[in-house]
């Protein structure tokens, strides 16, 4: 039987979302154990994305400029540079795990991640990280548009808002059920 090649995409598990900043995702620590379970077993299959803010709002186009005018304290000239880094438990896995930086919610816009995965023959993506209703959703929908099979590990994604997290999981699991599976980490690990 043919087995699809897969990659683990872990989204934005960075210090700026884990520590005391305006963008803190308070329940990020609750999913870290599940993410570590996947990344520790398969570091060579793991790509960590990092959401990298601009130096200033003026570097960004359109509504992104307005976004960073609302959040000037989170631009790179204002935050401590290390806050862009992955949390320590994940950072130690690089290499063999890899880092992919992005400046928007979706990692697909510049084409580099898709090009890399295509060269490696990747057909299936396992998604973890944050935030479920923002970057995870943007990544999942973009992956579906590009033709990947998506596995979303529902106990390994987090958000700042329970209601929209739950709604995103329901939407992704039901509306996109042909192209995406939503499951628990333990269930997926048992199938690999």
Protein backbone atom coordinates (compact mmCIF):
# COMPACT_ATOMS: atom_id res chain seq x y z
CA UNK A 1 0.00 0.00 0.00
CA UNK A 2 1.28 3.50 -0.91
CA UNK A 3 1.94 5.77 2.09
CA UNK A 4 1.85 9.54 1.57
CA UNK A 5 4.88 11.49 2.69
CA UNK A 6 4.04 13.92 5.46
CA UNK A 7 5.41 16.90 7.32
CA UNK A 8 4.56 18.37 10.73
CA UNK A 9 3.92 22.11 10.55
CA UNK A 10 3.97 23.66 14.02
CA UNK A 11 2.67 27.21 13.93
CA UNK A 12 4.04 30.11 15.90
CA UNK A 13 4.95 28.51 19.22
CA UNK A 14 7.07 31.54 20.05
CA UNK A 15 8.09 33.32 23.20
CA UNK A 16 6.05 36.41 22.25
CA UNK A 17 2.89 34.30 22.50
CA UNK A 18 4.02 32.36 25.59
CA UNK A 19 5.31 35.23 27.73
CA UNK A 20 3.76 38.37 29.21
CA UNK A 21 3.08 40.42 26.06
CA UNK A 22 -0.15 41.87 24.62
CA UNK A 23 -0.25 38.83 22.30
CA UNK A 24 0.07 36.20 25.05
CA UNK A 25 -1.90 33.01 24.40
CA UNK A 26 -2.58 31.97 27.98
CA UNK A 27 -3.35 28.34 27.31
CA UNK A 28 -0.37 27.70 25.01
CA UNK A 29 1.34 25.69 27.80
CA UNK A 30 -1.60 23.25 27.82
CA UNK A 31 -0.87 22.12 24.25
CA UNK A 32 2.92 22.18 24.43
CA UNK A 33 3.12 18.60 25.75
CA UNK A 34 1.22 17.23 22.74
CA UNK A 35 3.30 19.30 20.31
CA UNK A 36 6.49 18.05 21.97
CA UNK A 37 5.24 14.47 21.63
CA UNK A 38 5.06 14.87 17.85
CA UNK A 39 8.15 17.06 17.39
CA UNK A 40 10.36 14.92 19.64
CA UNK A 41 9.41 11.75 17.77
CA UNK A 42 9.76 13.30 14.31
CA UNK A 43 12.08 16.35 14.47
CA UNK A 44 13.34 15.70 10.94
CA UNK A 45 9.72 15.97 9.68
CA UNK A 46 8.96 19.14 11.66
CA UNK A 47 8.88 22.71 10.37
CA UNK A 48 8.30 25.44 12.93
CA UNK A 49 6.80 28.65 11.59
CA UNK A 50 7.55 31.95 13.25
CA UNK A 51 5.33 35.01 12.91
CA UNK A 52 7.89 37.80 12.49
CA UNK A 53 6.63 41.36 12.98
CA UNK A 54 8.11 44.19 10.91
CA UNK A 55 10.47 46.77 12.36
CA UNK A 56 7.69 49.35 12.00
CA UNK A 57 4.15 49.57 10.66
CA UNK A 58 5.36 51.49 7.60
CA UNK A 59 7.13 48.37 6.27
CA UNK A 60 3.83 46.58 5.77
CA UNK A 61 1.28 46.96 2.95
CA UNK A 62 -2.38 47.91 3.21
CA UNK A 63 -4.29 46.86 6.29
CA UNK A 64 -1.19 45.27 7.81
CA UNK A 65 0.05 48.84 8.29
CA UNK A 66 -3.12 49.61 10.26
CA UNK A 67 -2.70 46.38 12.22
CA UNK A 68 0.76 47.36 13.42
CA UNK A 69 -0.35 50.91 14.13
CA UNK A 70 -2.70 49.26 16.64
CA UNK A 71 0.13 47.05 17.98
CA UNK A 72 3.28 49.25 17.76
CA UNK A 73 4.62 47.71 20.96
CA UNK A 74 4.91 44.38 19.10
CA UNK A 75 7.08 45.65 16.22
CA UNK A 76 10.69 44.46 16.20
CA UNK A 77 12.03 47.88 17.16
CA UNK A 78 9.91 47.76 20.32
CA UNK A 79 10.08 44.14 21.53
CA UNK A 80 13.04 42.28 22.95
CA UNK A 81 14.51 40.47 19.90
CA UNK A 82 14.46 37.03 21.56
CA UNK A 83 10.67 37.11 21.83
CA UNK A 84 10.47 36.12 18.14
CA UNK A 85 12.27 32.85 19.01
CA UNK A 86 10.51 29.54 19.53
CA UNK A 87 9.85 28.49 23.11
CA UNK A 88 12.97 26.80 24.51
CA UNK A 89 11.64 23.20 24.46
CA UNK A 90 10.99 23.46 20.72
CA UNK A 91 14.00 25.58 19.79
CA UNK A 92 16.34 22.83 20.98
CA UNK A 93 14.95 20.54 18.23
CA UNK A 94 16.37 22.81 15.49
CA UNK A 95 18.15 21.20 13.66
CA UNK A 96 17.06 18.67 12.47
CA UNK A 97 13.69 20.47 12.70
CA UNK A 98 13.55 23.56 10.53
CA UNK A 99 12.27 27.11 10.95
CA UNK A 100 10.19 28.98 8.38
CA UNK A 101 9.59 32.69 9.01
CA UNK A 102 6.44 34.43 7.79
CA UNK A 103 5.11 37.98 8.04
CA UNK A 104 1.39 37.20 7.69
CA UNK A 105 -0.99 34.65 9.16
CA UNK A 106 -0.50 32.27 6.25
CA UNK A 107 2.87 30.68 5.46
CA UNK A 108 1.85 30.13 1.82
CA UNK A 109 1.86 33.64 0.34
CA UNK A 110 5.43 33.86 -0.92
CA UNK A 111 5.42 30.31 -2.30
CA UNK A 112 8.65 29.23 -0.59
CA UNK A 113 7.13 26.74 1.87
CA UNK A 114 5.02 25.07 -0.81
CA UNK A 115 8.05 24.89 -3.11
CA UNK A 116 10.14 23.25 -0.36
CA UNK A 117 7.43 20.71 0.48
CA UNK A 118 6.83 19.94 -3.20
CA UNK A 119 10.54 19.25 -3.78
CA UNK A 120 10.44 16.83 -0.84
CA UNK A 121 7.36 15.04 -2.18
CA UNK A 122 5.20 15.98 0.82
CA UNK A 123 1.51 15.26 0.31
CA UNK A 124 0.13 15.38 3.87
CA UNK A 125 0.52 18.02 6.57
CA UNK A 126 0.03 17.55 10.29
CA UNK A 127 -0.81 20.88 11.92
CA UNK A 128 -0.20 21.98 15.51
CA UNK A 129 0.38 25.30 17.27
CA UNK A 130 -1.45 28.59 17.51
CA UNK A 131 -3.75 30.26 17.06
CA UNK A 132 -6.50 27.89 15.95
CA UNK A 133 -8.80 30.62 14.65
CA UNK A 134 -6.06 32.71 12.98
CA UNK A 135 -2.73 31.24 11.78
CA UNK A 136 -3.77 27.59 12.07
CA UNK A 137 -6.93 28.25 10.06
CA UNK A 138 -5.05 30.30 7.43
CA UNK A 139 -2.47 27.52 7.12
CA UNK A 140 -5.09 24.78 6.91
CA UNK A 141 -7.16 26.54 4.24
CA UNK A 142 -4.08 27.41 2.20
CA UNK A 143 -2.86 23.82 2.42
CA UNK A 144 -6.24 22.57 1.23
CA UNK A 145 -6.14 25.01 -1.70
CA UNK A 146 -2.69 23.68 -2.61
CA UNK A 147 -3.95 20.08 -2.58
CA UNK A 148 -2.43 18.76 0.65
CA UNK A 149 -4.25 16.31 2.89
CA UNK A 150 -4.41 18.03 6.29
CA UNK A 151 -4.45 16.41 9.71
CA UNK A 152 -5.28 18.90 12.47
CA UNK A 153 -4.37 17.70 15.97
CA UNK A 154 -7.13 19.27 18.03
CA UNK A 155 -5.41 18.80 21.39
CA UNK A 156 -2.21 20.39 20.02
CA UNK A 157 -3.67 23.72 18.86
CA UNK A 158 -4.53 26.71 21.01
CA UNK A 159 -6.06 30.17 20.90
CA UNK A 160 -6.76 33.15 23.12
CA UNK A 161 -10.53 32.72 22.72
CA UNK A 162 -12.26 29.44 23.57
CA UNK A 163 -15.40 30.23 21.57
CA UNK A 164 -13.66 30.95 18.28
CA UNK A 165 -11.20 28.07 18.87
CA UNK A 166 -14.13 25.67 19.24
CA UNK A 167 -15.93 27.19 16.24
CA UNK A 168 -12.79 26.90 14.09
CA UNK A 169 -12.34 23.23 15.00
CA UNK A 170 -15.99 22.53 14.18
CA UNK A 171 -15.81 24.42 10.88
CA UNK A 172 -12.57 22.81 9.76
CA UNK A 173 -13.62 19.32 10.84
CA UNK A 174 -17.08 19.42 9.30
CA UNK A 175 -16.92 21.71 6.28
CA UNK A 176 -13.60 20.37 4.99
CA UNK A 177 -13.97 16.73 6.02
CA UNK A 178 -12.93 15.37 2.61
CA UNK A 179 -9.61 17.24 2.67
CA UNK A 180 -8.97 17.41 6.41
CA UNK A 181 -9.15 15.17 9.44
CA UNK A 182 -9.38 16.57 12.95
CA UNK A 183 -8.15 14.14 15.58
CA UNK A 184 -6.32 13.81 18.87
CA UNK A 185 -2.52 13.54 18.93
CA UNK A 186 -2.56 10.06 20.47
CA UNK A 187 -4.88 8.79 17.73
CA UNK A 188 -2.65 10.21 14.98
CA UNK A 189 0.58 8.90 16.52
CA UNK A 190 -0.93 5.42 16.70
CA UNK A 191 -1.61 5.58 12.94
CA UNK A 192 1.88 6.64 11.82
